[in-house]
Structures are given as structure tokens and as C-alpha cells.
Amino acid sequence: MPLLFSYGTLRQKSVQMATFGRILQGSADQLVGFELTLVQINDAAVLAASGKANHPIARPSQNVEARVDGITFEVSEDELAKADDYEVAAYKRISMVLASGTQAWVYVEAES
């Protein structure tokens, strides 16, 4: 099963229920070489699920020691597709090796 690293709203129970229909279990990890900024969300469904107009978004940092805390979840291929549908165009999904050495999918700034 795929692994999905989340540092943002996909960690919220309300978003997990709206997106996957279940609460995900995961373990703490870190995305290395990235930093967080905010992106404004205008998608009505995403706003309804998250309750937030500004979401964190990871972008590469000039500081190679930068780290973003988050949680790695085991999801199905179908749930990964649902996560793709949830994320707005400001994000792209890439495969990254996390601080633990685990390979996982993560959504980062699309322009990076």
C-alpha cells in the first residue's frame, strides 16, 4: 500500500472523513529540505472539509537542514486518488525519502 506524508489538513479528522470516509492512523516523520508557507484556498469543498481558507504548503528551502513535521499514513491506491482530488492546483504530488528513510508521496508547491 502507498504511503502518504501529510503536514497539513489531511491530518485533520474532518478532512480524512470527507476525503477517505475513515480516520487514518500514522506515524510521525519529517520532510527534509523543505519549509512551509501558506496558500489561499478558494475551492468550496476543500474549505468545507478543512474549515480553513489558508493551508500550509511545502516548498524547497535554501537551508538543506530545514524540516517539516508531519505524519505518514498508509493509504490504498483509491485513497491516494481521492487525496489527489482533494488537493487544489497549487499542489503537486511527488515521491520523497523522509527523515526516517521511508519513501512516501507528499504534496508540495506545484511551482517548485
N, C-alpha and C. Protein backbone atom coordinates (compact mmCIF):
# COMPACT_ATOMS: atom_id res chain seq x y z
N MET A 1 0.84 -1.20 0.00
CA MET A 1 0.00 0.00 0.00
C MET A 1 0.88 1.25 0.00
N PRO A 2 0.44 2.28 -0.69
CA PRO A 2 1.22 3.52 -0.75
C PRO A 2 1.28 4.21 0.62
N LEU A 3 2.34 4.97 0.81
CA LEU A 3 2.48 5.81 1.99
C LEU A 3 2.29 7.26 1.57
N LEU A 4 1.57 8.01 2.38
CA LEU A 4 1.29 9.42 2.11
C LEU A 4 1.72 10.22 3.33
N PHE A 5 2.63 11.18 3.11
CA PHE A 5 3.10 12.06 4.18
C PHE A 5 2.27 13.33 4.15
N SER A 6 1.73 13.70 5.29
CA SER A 6 0.94 14.93 5.38
C SER A 6 1.47 15.83 6.49
N TYR A 7 1.58 17.10 6.18
CA TYR A 7 1.99 18.12 7.14
C TYR A 7 0.86 19.12 7.35
N GLY A 8 -0.24 18.94 6.65
CA GLY A 8 -1.31 19.92 6.66
C GLY A 8 -2.68 19.35 6.96
N THR A 9 -3.66 19.79 6.20
CA THR A 9 -5.06 19.50 6.53
C THR A 9 -5.45 18.03 6.36
N LEU A 10 -4.68 17.25 5.62
CA LEU A 10 -5.00 15.81 5.53
C LEU A 10 -4.78 15.10 6.87
N ARG A 11 -4.22 15.79 7.84
CA ARG A 11 -4.08 15.24 9.20
C ARG A 11 -5.35 15.46 10.02
N GLN A 12 -6.21 16.37 9.56
CA GLN A 12 -7.45 16.68 10.30
C GLN A 12 -8.46 15.54 10.13
N LYS A 13 -9.10 15.17 11.23
CA LYS A 13 -10.11 14.10 11.18
C LYS A 13 -11.26 14.47 10.26
N SER A 14 -11.69 15.74 10.27
CA SER A 14 -12.80 16.16 9.41
C SER A 14 -12.45 16.01 7.93
N VAL A 15 -11.22 16.32 7.58
CA VAL A 15 -10.76 16.19 6.19
C VAL A 15 -10.63 14.71 5.82
N GLN A 16 -10.11 13.91 6.73
CA GLN A 16 -9.98 12.47 6.47
C GLN A 16 -11.34 11.83 6.25
N MET A 17 -12.31 12.18 7.08
CA MET A 17 -13.65 11.61 6.91
C MET A 17 -14.28 12.06 5.60
N ALA A 18 -14.13 13.34 5.25
CA ALA A 18 -14.71 13.85 4.00
C ALA A 18 -14.00 13.28 2.78
N THR A 19 -12.70 13.03 2.88
CA THR A 19 -11.91 12.58 1.73
C THR A 19 -11.87 11.07 1.61
N PHE A 20 -11.66 10.38 2.72
CA PHE A 20 -11.44 8.92 2.70
C PHE A 20 -12.58 8.11 3.31
N GLY A 21 -13.44 8.78 4.08
CA GLY A 21 -14.52 8.07 4.76
C GLY A 21 -14.06 7.29 5.98
N ARG A 22 -12.85 7.59 6.46
CA ARG A 22 -12.32 6.93 7.65
C ARG A 22 -11.23 7.81 8.26
N ILE A 23 -10.89 7.50 9.51
CA ILE A 23 -9.80 8.18 10.20
C ILE A 23 -8.53 7.36 9.95
N LEU A 24 -7.48 8.02 9.50
CA LEU A 24 -6.22 7.35 9.19
C LEU A 24 -5.35 7.24 10.43
N GLN A 25 -4.57 6.18 10.50
CA GLN A 25 -3.57 6.00 11.56
C GLN A 25 -2.20 6.20 10.92
N GLY A 26 -1.31 6.88 11.60
CA GLY A 26 0.00 7.13 11.01
C GLY A 26 1.09 7.27 12.04
N SER A 27 2.28 7.58 11.55
CA SER A 27 3.43 7.77 12.42
C SER A 27 4.16 9.06 12.04
N ALA A 28 4.73 9.69 13.05
CA ALA A 28 5.42 10.96 12.86
C ALA A 28 6.67 10.77 12.01
N ASP A 29 6.94 11.76 11.17
CA ASP A 29 8.14 11.77 10.34
C ASP A 29 8.40 13.22 9.95
N GLN A 30 9.42 13.43 9.12
CA GLN A 30 9.76 14.78 8.68
C GLN A 30 10.15 14.78 7.22
N LEU A 31 9.78 15.86 6.54
CA LEU A 31 10.18 16.12 5.16
C LEU A 31 11.41 17.01 5.23
N VAL A 32 12.51 16.54 4.67
CA VAL A 32 13.80 17.23 4.79
C VAL A 32 14.04 18.14 3.59
N GLY A 33 14.58 19.34 3.87
CA GLY A 33 14.94 20.27 2.81
C GLY A 33 13.78 21.12 2.31
N PHE A 34 12.69 21.14 3.06
CA PHE A 34 11.51 21.93 2.69
C PHE A 34 11.13 22.83 3.86
N GLU A 35 10.37 23.88 3.54
CA GLU A 35 9.82 24.79 4.54
C GLU A 35 8.36 25.04 4.20
N LEU A 36 7.61 25.53 5.18
CA LEU A 36 6.18 25.78 4.96
C LEU A 36 5.91 27.25 4.73
N THR A 37 4.94 27.48 3.88
CA THR A 37 4.35 28.79 3.68
C THR A 37 2.85 28.53 3.59
N LEU A 38 2.06 29.56 3.32
CA LEU A 38 0.61 29.39 3.22
C LEU A 38 0.12 29.65 1.82
N VAL A 39 -0.94 28.96 1.45
CA VAL A 39 -1.61 29.19 0.19
C VAL A 39 -3.09 29.42 0.48
N GLN A 40 -3.70 30.39 -0.21
CA GLN A 40 -5.12 30.67 -0.02
C GLN A 40 -5.93 29.67 -0.83
N ILE A 41 -6.95 29.11 -0.19
CA ILE A 41 -7.81 28.11 -0.80
C ILE A 41 -9.15 28.75 -1.16
N ASN A 42 -9.61 28.52 -2.40
CA ASN A 42 -10.89 29.06 -2.85
C ASN A 42 -11.89 27.96 -3.19
N ASP A 43 -11.45 26.71 -3.21
CA ASP A 43 -12.31 25.59 -3.55
C ASP A 43 -13.32 25.35 -2.41
N ALA A 44 -14.61 25.42 -2.75
CA ALA A 44 -15.66 25.33 -1.73
C ALA A 44 -15.64 24.01 -0.97
N ALA A 45 -15.41 22.89 -1.66
CA ALA A 45 -15.39 21.59 -0.99
C ALA A 45 -14.22 21.47 -0.02
N VAL A 46 -13.07 21.98 -0.43
CA VAL A 46 -11.88 21.94 0.43
C VAL A 46 -12.09 22.85 1.64
N LEU A 47 -12.66 24.02 1.41
CA LEU A 47 -12.95 24.94 2.52
C LEU A 47 -13.93 24.31 3.51
N ALA A 48 -14.95 23.63 2.99
CA ALA A 48 -15.95 22.99 3.85
C ALA A 48 -15.32 21.88 4.68
N ALA A 49 -14.46 21.08 4.09
CA ALA A 49 -13.84 19.95 4.80
C ALA A 49 -12.83 20.43 5.84
N SER A 50 -12.02 21.42 5.48
CA SER A 50 -10.93 21.85 6.37
C SER A 50 -11.33 22.95 7.34
N GLY A 51 -12.30 23.78 6.93
CA GLY A 51 -12.68 24.91 7.75
C GLY A 51 -11.64 26.03 7.75
N LYS A 52 -10.69 25.96 6.80
CA LYS A 52 -9.61 26.93 6.76
C LYS A 52 -9.44 27.50 5.35
N ALA A 53 -9.24 28.82 5.26
CA ALA A 53 -9.03 29.47 3.97
C ALA A 53 -7.56 29.48 3.56
N ASN A 54 -6.67 29.31 4.54
CA ASN A 54 -5.23 29.28 4.26
C ASN A 54 -4.67 27.93 4.70
N HIS A 55 -4.02 27.25 3.78
CA HIS A 55 -3.45 25.93 4.07
C HIS A 55 -1.93 25.99 3.97
N PRO A 56 -1.24 25.19 4.78
CA PRO A 56 0.21 25.12 4.64
C PRO A 56 0.59 24.44 3.33
N ILE A 57 1.71 24.86 2.78
CA ILE A 57 2.23 24.25 1.55
C ILE A 57 3.75 24.21 1.67
N ALA A 58 4.32 23.06 1.34
CA ALA A 58 5.77 22.87 1.44
C ALA A 58 6.45 23.29 0.15
N ARG A 59 7.55 23.99 0.31
CA ARG A 59 8.36 24.35 -0.85
C ARG A 59 9.83 24.13 -0.49
N PRO A 60 10.65 23.87 -1.50
CA PRO A 60 12.07 23.63 -1.21
C PRO A 60 12.69 24.82 -0.48
N SER A 61 13.55 24.51 0.46
CA SER A 61 14.23 25.53 1.25
C SER A 61 15.68 25.64 0.80
N GLN A 62 16.24 26.83 0.92
CA GLN A 62 17.67 27.00 0.66
C GLN A 62 18.50 26.41 1.79
N ASN A 63 17.86 26.17 2.93
CA ASN A 63 18.51 25.54 4.08
C ASN A 63 18.32 24.03 3.96
N VAL A 64 19.37 23.31 3.63
CA VAL A 64 19.27 21.86 3.43
C VAL A 64 18.91 21.13 4.72
N GLU A 65 19.06 21.80 5.87
CA GLU A 65 18.72 21.19 7.16
C GLU A 65 17.26 21.46 7.55
N ALA A 66 16.54 22.24 6.74
CA ALA A 66 15.14 22.55 7.04
C ALA A 66 14.32 21.27 7.09
N ARG A 67 13.34 21.26 7.98
CA ARG A 67 12.47 20.08 8.12
C ARG A 67 11.03 20.51 8.35
N VAL A 68 10.13 19.72 7.81
CA VAL A 68 8.70 19.93 8.01
C VAL A 68 8.16 18.71 8.75
N ASP A 69 7.57 18.93 9.92
CA ASP A 69 6.98 17.85 10.69
C ASP A 69 5.66 17.42 10.08
N GLY A 70 5.38 16.13 10.16
CA GLY A 70 4.12 15.62 9.66
C GLY A 70 3.90 14.18 10.07
N ILE A 71 2.95 13.55 9.41
CA ILE A 71 2.57 12.17 9.71
C ILE A 71 2.51 11.39 8.40
N THR A 72 3.05 10.17 8.43
CA THR A 72 2.98 9.27 7.29
C THR A 72 1.83 8.30 7.51
N PHE A 73 0.93 8.24 6.52
CA PHE A 73 -0.23 7.36 6.58
C PHE A 73 -0.12 6.28 5.51
N GLU A 74 -0.60 5.09 5.82
CA GLU A 74 -0.73 4.04 4.81
C GLU A 74 -2.12 4.17 4.22
N VAL A 75 -2.18 4.33 2.90
CA VAL A 75 -3.45 4.50 2.20
C VAL A 75 -3.53 3.52 1.03
N SER A 76 -4.72 3.32 0.53
CA SER A 76 -4.89 2.49 -0.66
C SER A 76 -4.66 3.33 -1.91
N GLU A 77 -4.54 2.68 -3.05
CA GLU A 77 -4.41 3.42 -4.31
C GLU A 77 -5.65 4.29 -4.54
N ASP A 78 -6.83 3.77 -4.20
CA ASP A 78 -8.07 4.53 -4.34
C ASP A 78 -8.05 5.76 -3.45
N GLU A 79 -7.55 5.61 -2.21
CA GLU A 79 -7.48 6.75 -1.31
C GLU A 79 -6.44 7.77 -1.78
N LEU A 80 -5.38 7.31 -2.38
CA LEU A 80 -4.39 8.23 -2.94
C LEU A 80 -5.02 9.07 -4.06
N ALA A 81 -5.84 8.43 -4.88
CA ALA A 81 -6.56 9.15 -5.94
C ALA A 81 -7.53 10.17 -5.33
N LYS A 82 -8.17 9.81 -4.22
CA LYS A 82 -9.07 10.74 -3.53
C LYS A 82 -8.29 11.93 -2.96
N ALA A 83 -7.09 11.69 -2.47
CA ALA A 83 -6.25 12.78 -1.97
C ALA A 83 -5.87 13.71 -3.13
N ASP A 84 -5.59 13.13 -4.30
CA ASP A 84 -5.31 13.95 -5.49
C ASP A 84 -6.49 14.86 -5.80
N ASP A 85 -7.70 14.32 -5.69
CA ASP A 85 -8.90 15.10 -5.96
C ASP A 85 -9.09 16.21 -4.93
N TYR A 86 -8.71 15.95 -3.69
CA TYR A 86 -8.87 16.93 -2.61
C TYR A 86 -7.91 18.11 -2.79
N GLU A 87 -6.67 17.83 -3.14
CA GLU A 87 -5.67 18.89 -3.24
C GLU A 87 -5.95 19.80 -4.43
N VAL A 88 -5.78 21.10 -4.24
CA VAL A 88 -6.02 22.07 -5.31
C VAL A 88 -4.78 22.17 -6.21
N ALA A 89 -4.91 22.92 -7.30
CA ALA A 89 -3.86 23.01 -8.32
C ALA A 89 -2.55 23.60 -7.80
N ALA A 90 -2.57 24.26 -6.66
CA ALA A 90 -1.34 24.82 -6.10
C ALA A 90 -0.36 23.74 -5.65
N TYR A 91 -0.87 22.50 -5.50
CA TYR A 91 -0.06 21.38 -5.01
C TYR A 91 0.22 20.39 -6.14
N LYS A 92 1.36 19.72 -6.04
CA LYS A 92 1.66 18.57 -6.89
C LYS A 92 2.15 17.45 -5.98
N ARG A 93 1.89 16.22 -6.39
CA ARG A 93 2.31 15.07 -5.58
C ARG A 93 3.62 14.53 -6.12
N ILE A 94 4.61 14.39 -5.22
CA ILE A 94 5.91 13.84 -5.61
C ILE A 94 6.29 12.75 -4.61
N SER A 95 7.19 11.89 -5.01
CA SER A 95 7.71 10.85 -4.13
C SER A 95 9.00 11.36 -3.49
N MET A 96 9.09 11.24 -2.16
CA MET A 96 10.25 11.74 -1.43
C MET A 96 10.70 10.72 -0.40
N VAL A 97 11.99 10.75 -0.08
CA VAL A 97 12.51 9.98 1.04
C VAL A 97 12.47 10.90 2.25
N LEU A 98 11.79 10.44 3.30
CA LEU A 98 11.61 11.23 4.51
C LEU A 98 12.80 11.05 5.46
N ALA A 99 12.80 11.78 6.54
CA ALA A 99 13.91 11.73 7.51
C ALA A 99 14.15 10.32 8.03
N SER A 100 13.09 9.53 8.14
CA SER A 100 13.21 8.16 8.64
C SER A 100 13.81 7.20 7.62
N GLY A 101 13.93 7.65 6.37
CA GLY A 101 14.38 6.78 5.29
C GLY A 101 13.23 6.16 4.53
N THR A 102 12.01 6.42 4.97
CA THR A 102 10.80 5.91 4.33
C THR A 102 10.50 6.70 3.06
N GLN A 103 10.13 6.00 2.00
CA GLN A 103 9.70 6.64 0.75
C GLN A 103 8.19 6.84 0.83
N ALA A 104 7.74 8.07 0.57
CA ALA A 104 6.31 8.37 0.65
C ALA A 104 5.94 9.44 -0.37
N TRP A 105 4.66 9.45 -0.71
CA TRP A 105 4.12 10.53 -1.54
C TRP A 105 3.91 11.75 -0.64
N VAL A 106 4.13 12.93 -1.19
CA VAL A 106 3.90 14.17 -0.45
C VAL A 106 3.46 15.24 -1.44
N TYR A 107 2.55 16.09 -0.97
CA TYR A 107 2.09 17.21 -1.80
C TYR A 107 2.94 18.43 -1.48
N VAL A 108 3.52 19.02 -2.51
CA VAL A 108 4.39 20.19 -2.36
C VAL A 108 3.90 21.27 -3.31
N GLU A 109 4.49 22.44 -3.20
CA GLU A 109 4.13 23.56 -4.06
C GLU A 109 4.32 23.18 -5.52
N ALA A 110 3.28 23.35 -6.32
CA ALA A 110 3.33 22.94 -7.73
C ALA A 110 4.37 23.71 -8.53
N GLU A 111 4.64 24.94 -8.16
CA GLU A 111 5.59 25.77 -8.90
C GLU A 111 7.04 25.47 -8.56
N SER A 112 7.27 24.61 -7.56
CA SER A 112 8.66 24.34 -7.16
C SER A 112 9.27 23.22 -7.98
